[in-house]
Amino acid sequence: MTTPATSTAPTLERLRGQLLGHGFTELALDTLGDDIAAAASAAAASAAEMLVVLPLDNPAQRPEFFDLTVVLPEIVRQFGPDTFRVAFACPPDSMAIAKRFGVLRHPALIFLREGRYVGAIEGLRDWADYLQSFVRMRAEAPQPIPIPIPLSVSGARS
């Protein structure tokens, strides 16, 4: 008798459950402004300095999301409980949120202070890069959201 194999492949629902298990907040696009304000208020109430938003995508297509969801709680823990509050969004809301904040490369972390854009880390990084980037984001002032500019090559064949 054989037993059916169980998949250990990361699924979006597993990542969502893992993030919720760490106490992270889920955001939705239709209530994004309210969610960011509430998350910013919760961050302020808990004395957290910044809100970090993780827009998720399908981990079957982008397995690096699984890596980031494993590393992110450890990175945040390095700074203590009152420094960063983490929120995440699932597709399709996450893609609209990423677009709203000018994210071009995934996975990405979007940093907000009092609901205002501070910056983003795009792409998977090594541990030292994440730590340096988190330190840098804490020191940054809010700034305008970048406008994504599509690249085109003059004279390129289509």
N, C-alpha and C. Protein backbone atom coordinates (compact mmCIF):
# COMPACT_ATOMS: atom_id res chain seq x y z
N MET A 1 0.84 -1.17 0.00
CA MET A 1 0.00 0.00 0.00
C MET A 1 0.89 1.24 0.00
N THR A 2 0.56 2.15 -0.85
CA THR A 2 1.33 3.39 -0.91
C THR A 2 0.47 4.53 -0.39
N THR A 3 1.16 5.49 0.17
CA THR A 3 0.44 6.67 0.66
C THR A 3 0.65 7.79 -0.33
N PRO A 4 -0.36 8.59 -0.53
CA PRO A 4 -0.19 9.69 -1.48
C PRO A 4 0.87 10.67 -0.98
N ALA A 5 1.64 11.14 -1.92
CA ALA A 5 2.69 12.11 -1.58
C ALA A 5 2.04 13.45 -1.24
N THR A 6 2.54 14.07 -0.22
CA THR A 6 2.05 15.41 0.11
C THR A 6 3.04 16.42 -0.43
N SER A 7 2.51 17.45 -0.98
CA SER A 7 3.36 18.47 -1.58
C SER A 7 3.94 19.38 -0.50
N THR A 8 5.21 19.63 -0.60
CA THR A 8 5.85 20.60 0.29
C THR A 8 6.15 21.89 -0.46
N ALA A 9 5.65 21.96 -1.71
CA ALA A 9 5.87 23.17 -2.49
C ALA A 9 5.13 24.33 -1.84
N PRO A 10 5.78 25.49 -1.78
CA PRO A 10 5.11 26.63 -1.17
C PRO A 10 3.92 27.07 -2.02
N THR A 11 2.81 27.29 -1.37
CA THR A 11 1.64 27.83 -2.05
C THR A 11 1.35 29.19 -1.44
N LEU A 12 0.58 29.98 -2.16
CA LEU A 12 0.24 31.30 -1.66
C LEU A 12 -0.48 31.20 -0.32
N GLU A 13 -1.35 30.21 -0.19
CA GLU A 13 -2.09 30.05 1.07
C GLU A 13 -1.15 29.68 2.21
N ARG A 14 -0.15 28.85 1.94
CA ARG A 14 0.83 28.51 2.98
C ARG A 14 1.64 29.74 3.39
N LEU A 15 2.05 30.55 2.40
CA LEU A 15 2.81 31.77 2.72
C LEU A 15 1.94 32.73 3.54
N ARG A 16 0.69 32.87 3.13
CA ARG A 16 -0.25 33.73 3.86
C ARG A 16 -0.37 33.26 5.31
N GLY A 17 -0.57 31.98 5.49
CA GLY A 17 -0.69 31.42 6.84
C GLY A 17 0.57 31.63 7.66
N GLN A 18 1.71 31.47 7.01
CA GLN A 18 2.99 31.67 7.71
C GLN A 18 3.13 33.12 8.16
N LEU A 19 2.79 34.06 7.29
CA LEU A 19 2.91 35.49 7.63
C LEU A 19 1.93 35.87 8.73
N LEU A 20 0.70 35.38 8.63
CA LEU A 20 -0.28 35.64 9.69
C LEU A 20 0.19 35.04 11.01
N GLY A 21 0.82 33.87 10.95
CA GLY A 21 1.35 33.22 12.15
C GLY A 21 2.43 34.03 12.83
N HIS A 22 3.11 34.87 12.08
CA HIS A 22 4.14 35.75 12.67
C HIS A 22 3.53 37.05 13.19
N GLY A 23 2.20 37.17 13.06
CA GLY A 23 1.54 38.38 13.55
C GLY A 23 1.53 39.51 12.55
N PHE A 24 1.85 39.23 11.29
CA PHE A 24 1.84 40.27 10.27
C PHE A 24 0.40 40.54 9.83
N THR A 25 0.13 41.74 9.36
CA THR A 25 -1.21 42.20 8.97
C THR A 25 -1.42 42.02 7.48
N GLU A 26 -2.62 41.56 7.09
CA GLU A 26 -2.93 41.44 5.66
C GLU A 26 -3.63 42.70 5.19
N LEU A 27 -3.18 43.27 4.05
CA LEU A 27 -3.76 44.47 3.46
C LEU A 27 -4.62 44.08 2.26
N ALA A 28 -5.60 44.91 1.94
CA ALA A 28 -6.43 44.72 0.74
C ALA A 28 -6.46 46.03 -0.03
N LEU A 29 -6.51 45.94 -1.36
CA LEU A 29 -6.46 47.12 -2.21
C LEU A 29 -7.66 48.04 -2.00
N ASP A 30 -8.87 47.47 -1.89
CA ASP A 30 -10.05 48.32 -1.77
C ASP A 30 -10.09 49.11 -0.47
N THR A 31 -9.31 48.68 0.50
CA THR A 31 -9.24 49.40 1.77
C THR A 31 -7.80 49.83 2.06
N LEU A 32 -6.99 49.93 0.99
CA LEU A 32 -5.56 50.19 1.18
C LEU A 32 -5.30 51.44 2.00
N GLY A 33 -5.93 52.54 1.63
CA GLY A 33 -5.70 53.77 2.38
C GLY A 33 -6.05 53.60 3.85
N ASP A 34 -7.21 53.00 4.09
CA ASP A 34 -7.63 52.75 5.48
C ASP A 34 -6.70 51.74 6.15
N ASP A 35 -6.32 50.68 5.40
CA ASP A 35 -5.44 49.66 5.97
C ASP A 35 -4.08 50.24 6.33
N ILE A 36 -3.53 51.07 5.43
CA ILE A 36 -2.22 51.67 5.70
C ILE A 36 -2.34 52.63 6.89
N ALA A 37 -3.42 53.40 6.93
CA ALA A 37 -3.62 54.30 8.06
C ALA A 37 -3.76 53.50 9.36
N ALA A 38 -4.55 52.42 9.32
CA ALA A 38 -4.74 51.59 10.52
C ALA A 38 -3.43 50.92 10.91
N ALA A 39 -2.71 50.39 9.90
CA ALA A 39 -1.43 49.73 10.19
C ALA A 39 -0.42 50.75 10.71
N ALA A 40 -0.44 51.96 10.14
CA ALA A 40 0.45 53.01 10.62
C ALA A 40 0.08 53.40 12.05
N SER A 41 -1.23 53.48 12.33
CA SER A 41 -1.68 53.80 13.69
C SER A 41 -1.27 52.69 14.66
N ALA A 42 -1.45 51.43 14.21
CA ALA A 42 -1.06 50.30 15.05
C ALA A 42 0.45 50.32 15.28
N ALA A 43 1.19 50.67 14.22
CA ALA A 43 2.64 50.76 14.36
C ALA A 43 2.99 51.85 15.37
N ALA A 44 2.29 52.98 15.27
CA ALA A 44 2.56 54.08 16.21
C ALA A 44 2.14 53.68 17.63
N ALA A 45 0.99 53.01 17.73
CA ALA A 45 0.51 52.60 19.05
C ALA A 45 1.46 51.60 19.70
N SER A 46 2.10 50.78 18.86
CA SER A 46 3.04 49.81 19.41
C SER A 46 4.45 50.40 19.45
N ALA A 47 4.56 51.68 19.12
CA ALA A 47 5.83 52.40 19.11
C ALA A 47 6.74 51.95 17.96
N ALA A 48 6.20 51.20 16.99
CA ALA A 48 7.02 50.80 15.83
C ALA A 48 7.29 52.04 14.99
N GLU A 49 8.50 52.14 14.51
CA GLU A 49 8.89 53.31 13.73
C GLU A 49 8.37 53.27 12.30
N MET A 50 8.31 52.07 11.71
CA MET A 50 7.99 51.97 10.29
C MET A 50 7.08 50.79 10.00
N LEU A 51 6.33 50.95 8.90
CA LEU A 51 5.52 49.86 8.37
C LEU A 51 6.25 49.33 7.14
N VAL A 52 6.42 48.02 7.08
CA VAL A 52 7.05 47.36 5.94
C VAL A 52 5.96 46.54 5.24
N VAL A 53 5.74 46.80 3.95
CA VAL A 53 4.70 46.12 3.20
C VAL A 53 5.34 45.15 2.21
N LEU A 54 4.90 43.91 2.25
CA LEU A 54 5.37 42.86 1.34
C LEU A 54 4.24 42.50 0.38
N PRO A 55 4.32 42.94 -0.89
CA PRO A 55 3.33 42.52 -1.87
C PRO A 55 3.70 41.13 -2.39
N LEU A 56 2.88 40.13 -2.09
CA LEU A 56 3.17 38.75 -2.48
C LEU A 56 2.79 38.47 -3.93
N ASP A 57 3.38 37.41 -4.47
CA ASP A 57 2.99 36.89 -5.77
C ASP A 57 2.99 35.38 -5.66
N ASN A 58 2.63 34.70 -6.70
CA ASN A 58 2.53 33.25 -6.71
C ASN A 58 3.90 32.62 -6.48
N PRO A 59 4.10 31.91 -5.36
CA PRO A 59 5.41 31.32 -5.08
C PRO A 59 5.76 30.17 -6.02
N ALA A 60 4.77 29.60 -6.70
CA ALA A 60 5.07 28.56 -7.69
C ALA A 60 5.80 29.17 -8.88
N GLN A 61 5.49 30.42 -9.19
CA GLN A 61 6.16 31.12 -10.29
C GLN A 61 7.38 31.90 -9.82
N ARG A 62 7.36 32.33 -8.58
CA ARG A 62 8.47 33.11 -8.01
C ARG A 62 8.81 32.54 -6.64
N PRO A 63 9.59 31.46 -6.60
CA PRO A 63 9.89 30.81 -5.32
C PRO A 63 10.68 31.67 -4.34
N GLU A 64 11.29 32.75 -4.80
CA GLU A 64 12.04 33.61 -3.90
C GLU A 64 11.13 34.27 -2.87
N PHE A 65 9.81 34.32 -3.12
CA PHE A 65 8.90 34.83 -2.10
C PHE A 65 8.93 33.95 -0.85
N PHE A 66 9.05 32.65 -1.05
CA PHE A 66 9.13 31.74 0.09
C PHE A 66 10.38 32.05 0.90
N ASP A 67 11.51 32.27 0.22
CA ASP A 67 12.75 32.61 0.91
C ASP A 67 12.58 33.88 1.75
N LEU A 68 11.97 34.90 1.16
CA LEU A 68 11.81 36.16 1.87
C LEU A 68 10.88 36.02 3.07
N THR A 69 9.82 35.23 2.94
CA THR A 69 8.91 35.08 4.08
C THR A 69 9.55 34.30 5.22
N VAL A 70 10.58 33.54 4.93
CA VAL A 70 11.32 32.84 5.98
C VAL A 70 12.30 33.80 6.66
N VAL A 71 12.96 34.63 5.87
CA VAL A 71 14.00 35.53 6.37
C VAL A 71 13.43 36.79 7.03
N LEU A 72 12.33 37.30 6.51
CA LEU A 72 11.79 38.58 6.97
C LEU A 72 11.53 38.64 8.48
N PRO A 73 10.88 37.65 9.08
CA PRO A 73 10.68 37.73 10.54
C PRO A 73 11.99 37.80 11.32
N GLU A 74 13.00 37.11 10.83
CA GLU A 74 14.31 37.13 11.50
C GLU A 74 14.98 38.50 11.37
N ILE A 75 14.84 39.11 10.21
CA ILE A 75 15.43 40.45 10.01
C ILE A 75 14.75 41.44 10.95
N VAL A 76 13.42 41.42 10.98
CA VAL A 76 12.66 42.34 11.83
C VAL A 76 13.03 42.13 13.29
N ARG A 77 13.20 40.89 13.69
CA ARG A 77 13.56 40.56 15.08
C ARG A 77 14.92 41.15 15.46
N GLN A 78 15.82 41.29 14.50
CA GLN A 78 17.15 41.86 14.77
C GLN A 78 17.05 43.30 15.29
N PHE A 79 15.97 43.99 14.92
CA PHE A 79 15.83 45.40 15.28
C PHE A 79 14.95 45.60 16.51
N GLY A 80 14.42 44.54 17.06
CA GLY A 80 13.55 44.66 18.23
C GLY A 80 12.10 44.83 17.85
N PRO A 81 11.20 44.62 18.82
CA PRO A 81 9.77 44.60 18.51
C PRO A 81 9.16 45.97 18.20
N ASP A 82 9.84 47.04 18.51
CA ASP A 82 9.25 48.37 18.33
C ASP A 82 9.79 49.13 17.13
N THR A 83 10.48 48.47 16.25
CA THR A 83 11.09 49.18 15.13
C THR A 83 10.29 49.05 13.84
N PHE A 84 9.92 47.83 13.47
CA PHE A 84 9.21 47.60 12.22
C PHE A 84 7.93 46.81 12.47
N ARG A 85 6.86 47.21 11.81
CA ARG A 85 5.62 46.44 11.78
C ARG A 85 5.46 45.98 10.34
N VAL A 86 5.10 44.71 10.14
CA VAL A 86 5.04 44.15 8.79
C VAL A 86 3.60 43.88 8.39
N ALA A 87 3.28 44.24 7.14
CA ALA A 87 1.99 43.93 6.53
C ALA A 87 2.27 43.31 5.16
N PHE A 88 1.31 42.57 4.66
CA PHE A 88 1.47 41.95 3.34
C PHE A 88 0.15 42.00 2.59
N ALA A 89 0.23 41.79 1.29
CA ALA A 89 -0.97 41.73 0.45
C ALA A 89 -0.81 40.56 -0.51
N CYS A 90 -1.92 39.91 -0.82
CA CYS A 90 -1.94 38.78 -1.76
C CYS A 90 -2.45 39.26 -3.11
N PRO A 91 -2.13 38.52 -4.20
CA PRO A 91 -2.66 38.88 -5.51
C PRO A 91 -4.19 38.78 -5.51
N PRO A 92 -4.85 39.58 -6.32
CA PRO A 92 -4.33 40.57 -7.25
C PRO A 92 -4.01 41.91 -6.60
N ASP A 93 -4.46 42.10 -5.35
CA ASP A 93 -4.22 43.37 -4.67
C ASP A 93 -2.73 43.72 -4.58
N SER A 94 -1.91 42.71 -4.35
CA SER A 94 -0.49 42.96 -4.16
C SER A 94 0.17 43.57 -5.39
N MET A 95 -0.28 43.16 -6.57
CA MET A 95 0.32 43.71 -7.79
C MET A 95 -0.07 45.18 -7.97
N ALA A 96 -1.30 45.51 -7.62
CA ALA A 96 -1.73 46.91 -7.70
C ALA A 96 -1.00 47.76 -6.66
N ILE A 97 -0.79 47.22 -5.48
CA ILE A 97 -0.04 47.94 -4.44
C ILE A 97 1.40 48.15 -4.88
N ALA A 98 2.02 47.11 -5.43
CA ALA A 98 3.39 47.24 -5.92
C ALA A 98 3.47 48.32 -7.01
N LYS A 99 2.51 48.32 -7.91
CA LYS A 99 2.49 49.32 -8.98
C LYS A 99 2.31 50.72 -8.40
N ARG A 100 1.42 50.85 -7.42
CA ARG A 100 1.17 52.16 -6.79
C ARG A 100 2.45 52.75 -6.20
N PHE A 101 3.32 51.88 -5.67
CA PHE A 101 4.55 52.36 -5.05
C PHE A 101 5.77 52.22 -5.96
N GLY A 102 5.55 52.01 -7.25
CA GLY A 102 6.64 52.03 -8.22
C GLY A 102 7.55 50.83 -8.20
N VAL A 103 7.10 49.71 -7.66
CA VAL A 103 7.93 48.50 -7.59
C VAL A 103 7.98 47.85 -8.97
N LEU A 104 9.19 47.57 -9.42
CA LEU A 104 9.38 46.94 -10.73
C LEU A 104 9.92 45.51 -10.62
N ARG A 105 10.49 45.16 -9.48
CA ARG A 105 11.14 43.86 -9.32
C ARG A 105 10.66 43.20 -8.03
N HIS A 106 10.39 41.92 -8.13
CA HIS A 106 9.87 41.17 -6.97
C HIS A 106 10.85 40.09 -6.56
N PRO A 107 10.84 39.70 -5.29
CA PRO A 107 10.03 40.24 -4.21
C PRO A 107 10.51 41.62 -3.81
N ALA A 108 9.61 42.36 -3.17
CA ALA A 108 9.95 43.72 -2.77
C ALA A 108 9.39 43.99 -1.37
N LEU A 109 10.03 44.88 -0.69
CA LEU A 109 9.57 45.38 0.60
C LEU A 109 9.41 46.88 0.46
N ILE A 110 8.24 47.40 0.81
CA ILE A 110 7.95 48.83 0.71
C ILE A 110 7.91 49.39 2.12
N PHE A 111 8.65 50.46 2.35
CA PHE A 111 8.77 51.05 3.69
C PHE A 111 7.94 52.34 3.76
N LEU A 112 7.09 52.43 4.79
CA LEU A 112 6.26 53.60 5.03
C LEU A 112 6.46 54.08 6.45
N ARG A 113 6.53 55.39 6.61
CA ARG A 113 6.58 55.99 7.95
C ARG A 113 5.38 56.91 8.05
N GLU A 114 4.54 56.69 9.06
CA GLU A 114 3.31 57.46 9.25
C GLU A 114 2.48 57.49 7.96
N GLY A 115 2.47 56.36 7.25
CA GLY A 115 1.69 56.24 6.02
C GLY A 115 2.33 56.84 4.79
N ARG A 116 3.53 57.42 4.93
CA ARG A 116 4.21 58.07 3.80
C ARG A 116 5.37 57.21 3.31
N TYR A 117 5.54 57.18 2.00
CA TYR A 117 6.57 56.36 1.34
C TYR A 117 7.97 56.80 1.75
N VAL A 118 8.79 55.83 2.14
CA VAL A 118 10.19 56.09 2.50
C VAL A 118 11.12 55.48 1.45
N GLY A 119 10.80 54.28 0.99
CA GLY A 119 11.64 53.61 0.00
C GLY A 119 11.23 52.16 -0.16
N ALA A 120 11.99 51.44 -0.97
CA ALA A 120 11.70 50.03 -1.22
C ALA A 120 13.00 49.27 -1.43
N ILE A 121 12.95 48.01 -1.09
CA ILE A 121 14.03 47.07 -1.40
C ILE A 121 13.44 46.12 -2.43
N GLU A 122 14.03 46.07 -3.61
CA GLU A 122 13.51 45.22 -4.67
C GLU A 122 14.47 44.08 -4.95
N GLY A 123 13.92 42.88 -5.12
CA GLY A 123 14.73 41.70 -5.40
C GLY A 123 15.20 41.05 -4.12
N LEU A 124 15.51 39.78 -4.21
CA LEU A 124 15.99 39.03 -3.05
C LEU A 124 17.44 39.43 -2.78
N ARG A 125 17.78 39.62 -1.52
CA ARG A 125 19.12 40.06 -1.11
C ARG A 125 19.73 39.06 -0.14
N ASP A 126 21.01 39.23 0.12
CA ASP A 126 21.62 38.40 1.16
C ASP A 126 21.41 39.11 2.50
N TRP A 127 21.69 38.38 3.56
CA TRP A 127 21.42 38.84 4.92
C TRP A 127 22.03 40.22 5.21
N ALA A 128 23.31 40.39 4.90
CA ALA A 128 23.99 41.66 5.18
C ALA A 128 23.35 42.81 4.42
N ASP A 129 22.97 42.59 3.17
CA ASP A 129 22.29 43.64 2.38
C ASP A 129 20.97 44.04 3.02
N TYR A 130 20.20 43.04 3.47
CA TYR A 130 18.93 43.36 4.12
C TYR A 130 19.16 44.18 5.38
N LEU A 131 20.09 43.76 6.21
CA LEU A 131 20.35 44.50 7.45
C LEU A 131 20.76 45.94 7.15
N GLN A 132 21.68 46.13 6.20
CA GLN A 132 22.11 47.48 5.84
C GLN A 132 20.95 48.30 5.28
N SER A 133 20.13 47.67 4.45
CA SER A 133 18.99 48.39 3.86
C SER A 133 17.96 48.78 4.91
N PHE A 134 17.70 47.90 5.87
CA PHE A 134 16.76 48.24 6.93
C PHE A 134 17.30 49.40 7.78
N VAL A 135 18.58 49.39 8.06
CA VAL A 135 19.19 50.50 8.81
C VAL A 135 19.05 51.79 8.00
N ARG A 136 19.33 51.71 6.71
CA ARG A 136 19.24 52.89 5.84
C ARG A 136 17.80 53.42 5.78
N MET A 137 16.82 52.52 5.67
CA MET A 137 15.41 52.95 5.60
C MET A 137 14.98 53.66 6.88
N ARG A 138 15.48 53.20 8.01
CA ARG A 138 15.14 53.87 9.28
C ARG A 138 15.62 55.31 9.29
N ALA A 139 16.72 55.59 8.61
CA ALA A 139 17.31 56.92 8.61
C ALA A 139 16.73 57.82 7.50
N GLU A 140 16.06 57.24 6.52
CA GLU A 140 15.54 58.01 5.39
C GLU A 140 14.31 58.82 5.78
N ALA A 141 14.17 59.97 5.15
CA ALA A 141 12.95 60.78 5.30
C ALA A 141 11.95 60.33 4.24
N PRO A 142 10.65 60.53 4.49
CA PRO A 142 9.67 60.22 3.45
C PRO A 142 9.99 60.99 2.18
N GLN A 143 9.65 60.38 1.04
CA GLN A 143 9.98 60.96 -0.25
C GLN A 143 8.87 60.68 -1.24
N PRO A 144 8.90 61.33 -2.40
CA PRO A 144 7.88 61.04 -3.42
C PRO A 144 7.99 59.59 -3.89
N ILE A 145 6.84 59.04 -4.24
CA ILE A 145 6.81 57.68 -4.78
C ILE A 145 7.43 57.73 -6.17
N PRO A 146 8.35 56.81 -6.48
CA PRO A 146 8.97 56.83 -7.81
C PRO A 146 7.96 56.51 -8.91
N ILE A 147 8.17 57.13 -10.04
CA ILE A 147 7.34 56.85 -11.20
C ILE A 147 8.08 55.85 -12.07
N PRO A 148 7.53 54.63 -12.26
CA PRO A 148 8.22 53.65 -13.09
C PRO A 148 8.29 54.11 -14.54
N ILE A 149 9.47 54.03 -15.10
CA ILE A 149 9.66 54.43 -16.48
C ILE A 149 10.03 53.18 -17.27
N PRO A 150 9.18 52.76 -18.22
CA PRO A 150 9.50 51.58 -19.01
C PRO A 150 10.71 51.87 -19.90
N LEU A 151 11.59 50.88 -19.98
CA LEU A 151 12.78 51.04 -20.82
C LEU A 151 12.49 50.59 -22.24
N SER A 152 13.05 51.31 -23.18
CA SER A 152 12.98 50.89 -24.58
C SER A 152 14.32 51.20 -25.22
N VAL A 153 14.67 50.39 -26.16
CA VAL A 153 15.94 50.56 -26.84
C VAL A 153 15.66 51.09 -28.24
N SER A 154 16.25 52.23 -28.55
CA SER A 154 16.05 52.84 -29.86
C SER A 154 16.64 51.96 -30.94
N GLY A 155 15.86 51.73 -31.98
CA GLY A 155 16.35 50.92 -33.09
C GLY A 155 16.24 49.43 -32.88
N ALA A 156 15.72 49.01 -31.73
CA ALA A 156 15.59 47.57 -31.46
C ALA A 156 14.47 46.98 -32.29
N ARG A 157 14.64 45.76 -32.72
CA ARG A 157 13.60 45.07 -33.48
C ARG A 157 12.54 44.56 -32.52
N SER A 158 11.31 44.60 -32.97
CA SER A 158 10.21 44.11 -32.14
C SER A 158 10.01 42.64 -32.33
